[in-house]
């Protein structure tokens, strides 16, 4: 059975992005440390917020560069005027909300897992659904003071246990599994 995974980063004071909306996700370091490859291997579909999708300067970038070459279900916002480039591995569907995207992801992921990627709205929607089986939380040792909070505490409705901790120069990577 597929599991729902959430991969997110936050500062020590709880923000996923600074006050200008710049994410603090340590993606380059995660590549260097070999932390992304195992997640890519187990992922059969990605659920992504429209805001995260829009962070790419060119939507066609995903087809040749994105780690997750699987169906990407984008929720929220309007459909783009032009559908992003697909390559036989990565495909895109644009859905109205998180629930519709998660339902669609379950239909296309096969036996592999569903990865929730994105900014605060994606993390909050995932947590509100109560469907997140595992969290990969990247705790970045910075205080932002203000910005966009990763979690809305009213949406935390499940308990987790720490499964592993990996320390790198730029972050502490905590793997949590639902009880």
Protein backbone atom coordinates (compact mmCIF):
# COMPACT_ATOMS: atom_id res chain seq x y z
CA UNK A 1 0.00 0.00 0.00
CA UNK A 2 1.29 3.43 -0.89
CA UNK A 3 2.37 5.74 1.89
CA UNK A 4 1.98 9.51 1.92
CA UNK A 5 5.25 11.33 2.57
CA UNK A 6 5.76 15.02 3.34
CA UNK A 7 9.16 16.58 2.69
CA UNK A 8 9.51 20.06 4.16
CA UNK A 9 12.03 22.41 5.74
CA UNK A 10 11.74 25.07 8.38
CA UNK A 11 13.88 27.44 10.39
CA UNK A 12 14.35 26.97 14.12
CA UNK A 13 11.54 29.45 14.70
CA UNK A 14 9.14 27.55 12.41
CA UNK A 15 9.24 29.36 9.04
CA UNK A 16 9.55 27.57 5.68
CA UNK A 17 10.39 30.84 3.92
CA UNK A 18 11.66 34.27 4.78
CA UNK A 19 9.45 37.36 4.66
CA UNK A 20 10.12 37.68 0.90
CA UNK A 21 8.87 34.13 0.26
CA UNK A 22 12.34 32.63 -0.35
CA UNK A 23 12.37 28.98 0.70
CA UNK A 24 15.07 27.77 3.06
CA UNK A 25 14.88 24.16 1.78
CA UNK A 26 18.51 22.91 1.56
CA UNK A 27 18.05 21.02 -1.72
CA UNK A 28 21.63 21.28 -3.02
CA UNK A 29 23.08 20.00 0.23
CA UNK A 30 20.55 17.18 0.28
CA UNK A 31 21.78 16.10 -3.15
CA UNK A 32 25.40 16.20 -1.98
CA UNK A 33 24.55 14.17 1.14
CA UNK A 34 22.59 11.55 -0.84
CA UNK A 35 19.33 12.29 0.98
CA UNK A 36 17.10 12.82 -2.07
CA UNK A 37 17.94 9.73 -4.15
CA UNK A 38 16.29 7.21 -1.75
CA UNK A 39 13.11 9.29 -1.71
CA UNK A 40 13.05 9.51 -5.50
CA UNK A 41 13.28 5.72 -5.74
CA UNK A 42 10.23 5.16 -3.58
CA UNK A 43 8.05 7.91 -5.09
CA UNK A 44 5.40 7.08 -7.68
CA UNK A 45 3.60 10.45 -7.73
CA UNK A 46 4.13 13.97 -6.44
CA UNK A 47 1.44 16.26 -5.06
CA UNK A 48 2.60 19.86 -5.34
CA UNK A 49 0.97 23.20 -4.62
CA UNK A 50 0.52 25.61 -7.50
CA UNK A 51 2.72 28.11 -5.64
CA UNK A 52 5.57 25.57 -5.64
CA UNK A 53 5.01 24.77 -9.31
CA UNK A 54 5.24 28.49 -10.08
CA UNK A 55 8.66 28.74 -8.39
CA UNK A 56 10.23 27.34 -11.57
CA UNK A 57 11.03 30.19 -13.95
CA UNK A 58 10.12 27.95 -16.89
CA UNK A 59 7.51 25.21 -16.35
CA UNK A 60 9.21 23.13 -19.06
CA UNK A 61 12.23 22.91 -16.71
CA UNK A 62 10.61 20.04 -14.80
CA UNK A 63 10.76 17.59 -17.76
CA UNK A 64 14.54 17.52 -17.98
CA UNK A 65 15.67 18.60 -14.52
CA UNK A 66 13.27 17.68 -11.73
CA UNK A 67 14.36 14.77 -9.53
CA UNK A 68 10.90 13.26 -9.45
CA UNK A 69 10.21 12.07 -12.99
CA UNK A 70 6.73 10.79 -12.10
CA UNK A 71 3.18 12.12 -12.45
CA UNK A 72 2.93 15.52 -10.74
CA UNK A 73 -0.49 16.52 -9.44
CA UNK A 74 -0.60 20.28 -8.92
CA UNK A 75 -3.37 21.69 -6.73
CA UNK A 76 -4.78 25.17 -6.31
CA UNK A 77 -4.80 28.12 -8.66
CA UNK A 78 -5.67 28.20 -12.31
CA UNK A 79 -4.39 25.86 -15.00
CA UNK A 80 -1.47 27.39 -16.88
CA UNK A 81 -2.26 28.65 -20.36
CA UNK A 82 0.26 26.21 -21.80
CA UNK A 83 0.70 22.72 -20.40
CA UNK A 84 4.28 22.08 -19.23
CA UNK A 85 6.50 19.81 -21.29
CA UNK A 86 6.13 16.09 -20.53
CA UNK A 87 8.61 13.35 -21.43
CA UNK A 88 6.92 9.98 -20.98
CA UNK A 89 7.96 9.79 -17.32
CA UNK A 90 6.83 13.11 -15.90
CA UNK A 91 3.29 14.29 -16.55
CA UNK A 92 1.15 17.05 -15.07
CA UNK A 93 -2.45 17.35 -13.95
CA UNK A 94 -3.89 20.51 -12.41
CA UNK A 95 -6.56 19.98 -9.79
CA UNK A 96 -8.66 22.36 -7.70
CA UNK A 97 -7.59 21.27 -4.21
CA UNK A 98 -5.35 19.00 -2.15
CA UNK A 99 -7.99 16.29 -1.72
CA UNK A 100 -8.50 15.95 -5.48
CA UNK A 101 -4.73 15.89 -6.06
CA UNK A 102 -4.17 13.20 -3.41
CA UNK A 103 -6.99 11.09 -4.85
CA UNK A 104 -5.48 11.39 -8.33
CA UNK A 105 -2.01 10.55 -6.98
CA UNK A 106 -3.35 7.35 -5.43
CA UNK A 107 -4.64 6.33 -8.86
CA UNK A 108 -1.30 6.81 -10.67
CA UNK A 109 1.40 5.94 -8.11
CA UNK A 110 1.15 2.16 -8.45
CA UNK A 111 2.80 0.43 -5.48
CA UNK A 112 5.13 3.36 -4.88
CA UNK A 113 4.63 6.22 -2.42
CA UNK A 114 3.14 9.69 -2.80
CA UNK A 115 5.45 12.63 -2.05
CA UNK A 116 3.94 15.93 -0.92
CA UNK A 117 6.22 18.76 -1.99
CA UNK A 118 5.81 22.41 -1.54
CA UNK A 119 5.49 25.44 0.52
CA UNK A 120 3.40 26.02 3.61
CA UNK A 121 0.00 25.55 1.96
CA UNK A 122 1.00 22.08 0.73
CA UNK A 123 2.33 21.05 4.16
CA UNK A 124 -0.69 22.45 5.95
CA UNK A 125 -3.16 20.81 3.53
CA UNK A 126 -1.37 17.50 3.88
CA UNK A 127 -1.37 17.66 7.67
CA UNK A 128 -5.03 18.73 7.78
CA UNK A 129 -5.93 15.67 5.70
CA UNK A 130 -4.61 13.35 8.41
CA UNK A 131 -3.12 11.21 5.62
CA UNK A 132 0.61 11.89 6.15
CA UNK A 133 2.35 8.63 7.09
CA UNK A 134 5.91 9.98 7.17
CA UNK A 135 7.46 13.43 7.50
CA UNK A 136 10.96 14.32 6.35
CA UNK A 137 11.53 17.54 8.24
CA UNK A 138 14.67 19.56 7.43
CA UNK A 139 15.42 21.81 10.40
CA UNK A 140 17.66 24.63 9.20
CA UNK A 141 19.70 26.30 11.99
CA UNK A 142 18.55 29.84 11.28
CA UNK A 143 16.19 32.23 13.00
CA UNK A 144 14.18 34.18 10.46
CA UNK A 145 12.20 36.21 12.97
CA UNK A 146 9.33 36.50 10.55
CA UNK A 147 8.21 34.90 7.36
CA UNK A 148 5.76 32.19 6.39
CA UNK A 149 5.14 29.54 9.05
CA UNK A 150 5.42 25.94 7.86
CA UNK A 151 2.73 24.48 10.09
CA UNK A 152 -0.55 25.88 11.29
CA UNK A 153 -0.82 24.32 14.74
CA UNK A 154 -4.57 23.88 14.38
CA UNK A 155 -3.91 21.37 11.58
CA UNK A 156 -1.67 19.03 13.57
CA UNK A 157 -3.94 16.10 14.29
CA UNK A 158 -1.65 13.08 14.33
CA UNK A 159 1.27 11.92 16.46
CA UNK A 160 4.64 10.83 15.07
CA UNK A 161 7.75 9.15 16.37
CA UNK A 162 11.30 9.97 15.36
CA UNK A 163 12.63 7.20 13.13
CA UNK A 164 16.03 8.65 12.27
CA UNK A 165 18.11 11.81 12.37
CA UNK A 166 20.81 12.78 9.88
CA UNK A 167 22.96 15.82 10.49
CA UNK A 168 24.56 17.81 7.69
CA UNK A 169 26.25 21.16 7.71
CA UNK A 170 23.14 23.07 6.66
CA UNK A 171 20.36 21.16 8.44
CA UNK A 172 19.23 18.44 10.79
CA UNK A 173 17.11 16.00 8.79
CA UNK A 174 14.50 14.32 10.96
CA UNK A 175 12.45 11.37 9.68
CA UNK A 176 9.14 10.96 11.51
CA UNK A 177 6.68 8.10 11.15
CA UNK A 178 3.02 8.25 12.16
CA UNK A 179 2.03 6.22 15.22
